[in-house]
Amino acid sequence: MARVMVVDDAAFVRLTLRNILEKDGHQVVCEAENGIDAVNKYKEFKPDIVTLDITMPETNGIFALKGIKEIDPKAICVMCSAMGQQALVVEAMENGARDFIVKPFQPERVLESIRKALG
């Protein structure tokens, strides 16, 4: 199973994703609250896959995606978005995101996206 970093500014969202992923056998190795923290923790923990919220304070998920891809061009990132953020999802995909998950999360869709992204 995969080593995952969960990035979202909302603690309850991180907990929700952690529960979904761990029930499926994945290991959440770290969490981050913003894009800067995400880039720094990616360097430290080198997870197999990252779930990235698009909209966060300080720096958004697109910034984090670009920073992570600079560190590791092969990094696997899945974006998390609320309804109505299609333009940002497209921008994320153009910058190397493998997939996206729409909030509120449906466990089956989260796991499907993770499996798909990991190939």
N, C-alpha and C. Protein backbone atom coordinates (compact mmCIF):
# COMPACT_ATOMS: atom_id res chain seq x y z
N MET A 1 0.83 -1.19 0.00
CA MET A 1 0.00 0.00 0.00
C MET A 1 0.88 1.25 0.00
N ALA A 2 0.26 2.38 -0.26
CA ALA A 2 1.01 3.62 -0.45
C ALA A 2 1.25 4.41 0.83
N ARG A 3 2.35 5.17 0.81
CA ARG A 3 2.66 6.14 1.86
C ARG A 3 2.12 7.47 1.34
N VAL A 4 1.20 8.09 2.11
CA VAL A 4 0.45 9.25 1.63
C VAL A 4 0.70 10.49 2.49
N MET A 5 0.77 11.65 1.83
CA MET A 5 0.75 12.93 2.53
C MET A 5 -0.58 13.59 2.21
N VAL A 6 -1.31 14.01 3.23
CA VAL A 6 -2.61 14.66 3.08
C VAL A 6 -2.45 16.15 3.36
N VAL A 7 -2.84 16.99 2.38
CA VAL A 7 -2.68 18.43 2.51
C VAL A 7 -4.04 19.11 2.40
N ASP A 8 -4.46 19.76 3.47
CA ASP A 8 -5.72 20.52 3.48
C ASP A 8 -5.67 21.45 4.68
N ASP A 9 -6.23 22.65 4.53
CA ASP A 9 -6.21 23.59 5.65
C ASP A 9 -7.21 23.23 6.74
N ALA A 10 -8.18 22.39 6.42
CA ALA A 10 -9.21 22.00 7.40
C ALA A 10 -8.85 20.66 8.06
N ALA A 11 -8.72 20.68 9.37
CA ALA A 11 -8.34 19.47 10.10
C ALA A 11 -9.35 18.34 9.89
N PHE A 12 -10.64 18.67 9.84
CA PHE A 12 -11.64 17.60 9.68
C PHE A 12 -11.55 16.95 8.31
N VAL A 13 -11.12 17.69 7.30
CA VAL A 13 -10.94 17.11 5.96
C VAL A 13 -9.73 16.17 5.97
N ARG A 14 -8.65 16.60 6.63
CA ARG A 14 -7.48 15.73 6.73
C ARG A 14 -7.84 14.44 7.46
N LEU A 15 -8.61 14.56 8.54
CA LEU A 15 -9.03 13.38 9.29
C LEU A 15 -9.91 12.46 8.45
N THR A 16 -10.81 13.05 7.70
CA THR A 16 -11.69 12.25 6.82
C THR A 16 -10.86 11.47 5.81
N LEU A 17 -9.93 12.14 5.15
CA LEU A 17 -9.09 11.45 4.17
C LEU A 17 -8.22 10.39 4.84
N ARG A 18 -7.65 10.73 5.99
CA ARG A 18 -6.83 9.76 6.72
C ARG A 18 -7.63 8.49 7.01
N ASN A 19 -8.86 8.65 7.50
CA ASN A 19 -9.70 7.49 7.82
C ASN A 19 -9.99 6.65 6.59
N ILE A 20 -10.34 7.29 5.48
CA ILE A 20 -10.63 6.57 4.24
C ILE A 20 -9.41 5.78 3.78
N LEU A 21 -8.26 6.45 3.78
CA LEU A 21 -7.03 5.83 3.27
C LEU A 21 -6.54 4.72 4.18
N GLU A 22 -6.55 4.95 5.49
CA GLU A 22 -6.03 3.94 6.41
C GLU A 22 -6.92 2.70 6.46
N LYS A 23 -8.23 2.88 6.30
CA LYS A 23 -9.13 1.72 6.26
C LYS A 23 -8.83 0.83 5.06
N ASP A 24 -8.25 1.43 4.01
CA ASP A 24 -7.90 0.68 2.80
C ASP A 24 -6.46 0.16 2.85
N GLY A 25 -5.77 0.38 3.97
CA GLY A 25 -4.43 -0.15 4.13
C GLY A 25 -3.29 0.80 3.79
N HIS A 26 -3.61 2.02 3.40
CA HIS A 26 -2.56 3.00 3.11
C HIS A 26 -2.04 3.59 4.42
N GLN A 27 -0.84 4.15 4.37
CA GLN A 27 -0.24 4.78 5.55
C GLN A 27 -0.12 6.28 5.32
N VAL A 28 -0.77 7.07 6.15
CA VAL A 28 -0.63 8.53 6.07
C VAL A 28 0.63 8.88 6.86
N VAL A 29 1.68 9.27 6.13
CA VAL A 29 2.98 9.52 6.77
C VAL A 29 3.11 10.94 7.30
N CYS A 30 2.31 11.87 6.75
CA CYS A 30 2.33 13.24 7.27
C CYS A 30 1.14 14.01 6.72
N GLU A 31 0.89 15.15 7.36
CA GLU A 31 -0.17 16.06 6.94
C GLU A 31 0.41 17.46 6.86
N ALA A 32 -0.21 18.31 6.05
CA ALA A 32 0.19 19.70 5.94
C ALA A 32 -1.05 20.57 5.83
N GLU A 33 -0.93 21.83 6.30
CA GLU A 33 -2.07 22.76 6.33
C GLU A 33 -2.05 23.79 5.21
N ASN A 34 -0.91 23.92 4.51
CA ASN A 34 -0.83 24.90 3.43
C ASN A 34 0.24 24.46 2.42
N GLY A 35 0.33 25.20 1.34
CA GLY A 35 1.25 24.82 0.27
C GLY A 35 2.71 24.85 0.64
N ILE A 36 3.14 25.83 1.41
CA ILE A 36 4.54 25.92 1.82
C ILE A 36 4.90 24.73 2.70
N ASP A 37 4.05 24.44 3.68
CA ASP A 37 4.25 23.30 4.56
C ASP A 37 4.29 22.00 3.74
N ALA A 38 3.43 21.90 2.74
CA ALA A 38 3.37 20.70 1.90
C ALA A 38 4.69 20.46 1.17
N VAL A 39 5.24 21.52 0.58
CA VAL A 39 6.50 21.38 -0.16
C VAL A 39 7.62 20.96 0.79
N ASN A 40 7.70 21.60 1.95
CA ASN A 40 8.73 21.25 2.92
C ASN A 40 8.59 19.82 3.43
N LYS A 41 7.37 19.40 3.71
CA LYS A 41 7.16 18.04 4.21
C LYS A 41 7.37 17.00 3.12
N TYR A 42 7.10 17.37 1.87
CA TYR A 42 7.37 16.43 0.77
C TYR A 42 8.87 16.09 0.75
N LYS A 43 9.70 17.12 0.88
CA LYS A 43 11.16 16.91 0.90
C LYS A 43 11.56 15.96 2.03
N GLU A 44 10.94 16.15 3.19
CA GLU A 44 11.30 15.37 4.37
C GLU A 44 10.79 13.93 4.32
N PHE A 45 9.52 13.75 3.94
CA PHE A 45 8.89 12.43 4.04
C PHE A 45 8.88 11.62 2.74
N LYS A 46 9.02 12.27 1.61
CA LYS A 46 9.02 11.61 0.30
C LYS A 46 7.90 10.57 0.17
N PRO A 47 6.65 11.01 0.30
CA PRO A 47 5.53 10.06 0.20
C PRO A 47 5.37 9.51 -1.22
N ASP A 48 4.65 8.41 -1.35
CA ASP A 48 4.37 7.82 -2.66
C ASP A 48 3.35 8.66 -3.43
N ILE A 49 2.45 9.28 -2.69
CA ILE A 49 1.36 10.04 -3.31
C ILE A 49 0.93 11.17 -2.36
N VAL A 50 0.45 12.26 -2.95
CA VAL A 50 0.02 13.42 -2.17
C VAL A 50 -1.41 13.78 -2.57
N THR A 51 -2.27 14.01 -1.57
CA THR A 51 -3.58 14.60 -1.85
C THR A 51 -3.47 16.07 -1.49
N LEU A 52 -3.83 16.94 -2.44
CA LEU A 52 -3.63 18.38 -2.27
C LEU A 52 -4.94 19.13 -2.43
N ASP A 53 -5.34 19.85 -1.39
CA ASP A 53 -6.48 20.74 -1.52
C ASP A 53 -6.07 21.88 -2.45
N ILE A 54 -6.98 22.34 -3.29
CA ILE A 54 -6.65 23.43 -4.20
C ILE A 54 -6.70 24.77 -3.47
N THR A 55 -7.75 25.00 -2.70
CA THR A 55 -7.94 26.30 -2.06
C THR A 55 -7.51 26.25 -0.60
N MET A 56 -6.41 26.96 -0.30
CA MET A 56 -5.89 27.03 1.07
C MET A 56 -5.37 28.45 1.29
N PRO A 57 -5.31 28.87 2.56
CA PRO A 57 -4.73 30.19 2.84
C PRO A 57 -3.22 30.16 2.63
N GLU A 58 -2.62 31.31 2.58
CA GLU A 58 -1.18 31.50 2.39
C GLU A 58 -0.77 31.09 0.98
N THR A 59 -0.72 29.82 0.70
CA THR A 59 -0.38 29.35 -0.64
C THR A 59 -1.32 28.22 -1.00
N ASN A 60 -1.75 28.19 -2.24
CA ASN A 60 -2.75 27.20 -2.64
C ASN A 60 -2.11 25.90 -3.12
N GLY A 61 -2.98 24.97 -3.49
CA GLY A 61 -2.53 23.66 -3.93
C GLY A 61 -1.79 23.67 -5.25
N ILE A 62 -2.10 24.63 -6.12
CA ILE A 62 -1.39 24.73 -7.40
C ILE A 62 0.07 25.11 -7.13
N PHE A 63 0.29 26.06 -6.23
CA PHE A 63 1.65 26.45 -5.83
C PHE A 63 2.38 25.23 -5.28
N ALA A 64 1.73 24.49 -4.40
CA ALA A 64 2.35 23.31 -3.79
C ALA A 64 2.66 22.26 -4.86
N LEU A 65 1.73 22.04 -5.77
CA LEU A 65 1.93 21.08 -6.84
C LEU A 65 3.18 21.43 -7.65
N LYS A 66 3.30 22.69 -8.03
CA LYS A 66 4.46 23.13 -8.80
C LYS A 66 5.76 22.95 -8.01
N GLY A 67 5.71 23.29 -6.72
CA GLY A 67 6.90 23.14 -5.87
C GLY A 67 7.30 21.68 -5.70
N ILE A 68 6.33 20.82 -5.50
CA ILE A 68 6.60 19.38 -5.35
C ILE A 68 7.16 18.82 -6.65
N LYS A 69 6.60 19.23 -7.78
CA LYS A 69 7.07 18.75 -9.09
C LYS A 69 8.49 19.23 -9.39
N GLU A 70 8.86 20.41 -8.86
CA GLU A 70 10.24 20.89 -9.03
C GLU A 70 11.21 19.98 -8.27
N ILE A 71 10.81 19.56 -7.08
CA ILE A 71 11.63 18.66 -6.26
C ILE A 71 11.71 17.28 -6.91
N ASP A 72 10.55 16.80 -7.36
CA ASP A 72 10.44 15.44 -7.90
C ASP A 72 9.46 15.44 -9.07
N PRO A 73 9.97 15.53 -10.31
CA PRO A 73 9.08 15.56 -11.48
C PRO A 73 8.16 14.35 -11.59
N LYS A 74 8.51 13.24 -10.93
CA LYS A 74 7.69 12.03 -10.99
C LYS A 74 6.69 11.95 -9.83
N ALA A 75 6.63 12.98 -9.00
CA ALA A 75 5.72 12.98 -7.85
C ALA A 75 4.28 12.76 -8.31
N ILE A 76 3.55 11.98 -7.53
CA ILE A 76 2.15 11.67 -7.84
C ILE A 76 1.27 12.50 -6.92
N CYS A 77 0.47 13.39 -7.52
CA CYS A 77 -0.41 14.27 -6.75
C CYS A 77 -1.84 14.16 -7.26
N VAL A 78 -2.77 14.09 -6.32
CA VAL A 78 -4.20 14.10 -6.62
C VAL A 78 -4.79 15.33 -5.95
N MET A 79 -5.49 16.15 -6.72
CA MET A 79 -6.05 17.39 -6.21
C MET A 79 -7.42 17.15 -5.59
N CYS A 80 -7.75 17.93 -4.57
CA CYS A 80 -9.06 17.89 -3.92
C CYS A 80 -9.71 19.24 -4.14
N SER A 81 -10.93 19.22 -4.65
CA SER A 81 -11.59 20.50 -4.93
C SER A 81 -13.05 20.46 -4.52
N ALA A 82 -13.57 21.65 -4.27
CA ALA A 82 -15.00 21.78 -4.03
C ALA A 82 -15.69 21.95 -5.38
N MET A 83 -16.97 21.81 -5.40
CA MET A 83 -17.72 22.03 -6.64
C MET A 83 -17.47 23.45 -7.13
N GLY A 84 -17.44 23.63 -8.44
CA GLY A 84 -17.30 24.96 -9.00
C GLY A 84 -15.87 25.43 -9.16
N GLN A 85 -14.91 24.55 -9.00
CA GLN A 85 -13.50 24.94 -9.16
C GLN A 85 -12.89 24.32 -10.41
N GLN A 86 -13.70 24.14 -11.45
CA GLN A 86 -13.24 23.46 -12.64
C GLN A 86 -12.01 24.10 -13.28
N ALA A 87 -11.95 25.42 -13.33
CA ALA A 87 -10.80 26.10 -13.94
C ALA A 87 -9.52 25.78 -13.19
N LEU A 88 -9.60 25.75 -11.86
CA LEU A 88 -8.42 25.42 -11.06
C LEU A 88 -8.03 23.96 -11.22
N VAL A 89 -9.00 23.08 -11.36
CA VAL A 89 -8.71 21.66 -11.57
C VAL A 89 -7.98 21.50 -12.90
N VAL A 90 -8.45 22.19 -13.94
CA VAL A 90 -7.79 22.13 -15.25
C VAL A 90 -6.35 22.62 -15.13
N GLU A 91 -6.15 23.74 -14.43
CA GLU A 91 -4.80 24.27 -14.25
C GLU A 91 -3.91 23.26 -13.52
N ALA A 92 -4.46 22.60 -12.51
CA ALA A 92 -3.70 21.60 -11.77
C ALA A 92 -3.32 20.42 -12.67
N MET A 93 -4.25 19.96 -13.48
CA MET A 93 -3.97 18.85 -14.38
C MET A 93 -2.90 19.24 -15.40
N GLU A 94 -2.95 20.47 -15.87
CA GLU A 94 -1.94 20.96 -16.82
C GLU A 94 -0.56 21.04 -16.18
N ASN A 95 -0.53 21.16 -14.85
CA ASN A 95 0.73 21.24 -14.12
C ASN A 95 1.18 19.91 -13.54
N GLY A 96 0.54 18.83 -13.94
CA GLY A 96 1.02 17.51 -13.57
C GLY A 96 0.23 16.72 -12.57
N ALA A 97 -0.91 17.24 -12.10
CA ALA A 97 -1.75 16.44 -11.20
C ALA A 97 -2.26 15.22 -11.96
N ARG A 98 -2.37 14.09 -11.27
CA ARG A 98 -2.81 12.86 -11.92
C ARG A 98 -4.33 12.71 -11.97
N ASP A 99 -5.01 13.31 -10.99
CA ASP A 99 -6.46 13.16 -10.91
C ASP A 99 -6.98 14.20 -9.93
N PHE A 100 -8.30 14.23 -9.75
CA PHE A 100 -8.88 15.12 -8.75
C PHE A 100 -10.06 14.43 -8.09
N ILE A 101 -10.32 14.84 -6.86
CA ILE A 101 -11.42 14.31 -6.07
C ILE A 101 -12.27 15.51 -5.65
N VAL A 102 -13.59 15.38 -5.80
CA VAL A 102 -14.49 16.48 -5.46
C VAL A 102 -15.01 16.29 -4.03
N LYS A 103 -15.01 17.40 -3.28
CA LYS A 103 -15.58 17.41 -1.93
C LYS A 103 -17.08 17.65 -2.04
N PRO A 104 -17.88 17.12 -1.14
CA PRO A 104 -17.52 16.21 -0.05
C PRO A 104 -17.09 14.85 -0.60
N PHE A 105 -16.17 14.20 0.10
CA PHE A 105 -15.56 12.97 -0.37
C PHE A 105 -16.51 11.79 -0.30
N GLN A 106 -16.44 10.97 -1.34
CA GLN A 106 -17.09 9.67 -1.34
C GLN A 106 -15.95 8.66 -1.26
N PRO A 107 -15.91 7.85 -0.22
CA PRO A 107 -14.78 6.94 -0.03
C PRO A 107 -14.41 6.13 -1.26
N GLU A 108 -15.40 5.61 -1.98
CA GLU A 108 -15.12 4.79 -3.16
C GLU A 108 -14.38 5.60 -4.21
N ARG A 109 -14.78 6.85 -4.39
CA ARG A 109 -14.14 7.72 -5.39
C ARG A 109 -12.72 8.08 -4.98
N VAL A 110 -12.50 8.33 -3.69
CA VAL A 110 -11.16 8.64 -3.20
C VAL A 110 -10.22 7.47 -3.49
N LEU A 111 -10.64 6.28 -3.13
CA LEU A 111 -9.79 5.10 -3.31
C LEU A 111 -9.57 4.78 -4.78
N GLU A 112 -10.60 4.97 -5.59
CA GLU A 112 -10.47 4.78 -7.03
C GLU A 112 -9.42 5.73 -7.60
N SER A 113 -9.47 6.98 -7.17
CA SER A 113 -8.53 7.99 -7.65
C SER A 113 -7.10 7.65 -7.22
N ILE A 114 -6.92 7.22 -6.00
CA ILE A 114 -5.59 6.85 -5.50
C ILE A 114 -5.04 5.67 -6.31
N ARG A 115 -5.87 4.65 -6.52
CA ARG A 115 -5.42 3.47 -7.29
C ARG A 115 -5.06 3.88 -8.70
N LYS A 116 -5.90 4.70 -9.32
CA LYS A 116 -5.66 5.16 -10.69
C LYS A 116 -4.35 5.94 -10.77
N ALA A 117 -4.14 6.86 -9.83
CA ALA A 117 -2.94 7.71 -9.85
C ALA A 117 -1.66 6.88 -9.65
N LEU A 118 -1.75 5.88 -8.80
CA LEU A 118 -0.58 5.04 -8.53
C LEU A 118 -0.29 4.09 -9.69
N GLY A 119 -1.29 3.89 -10.55
CA GLY A 119 -1.11 3.06 -11.74
C GLY A 119 -1.07 1.61 -11.42
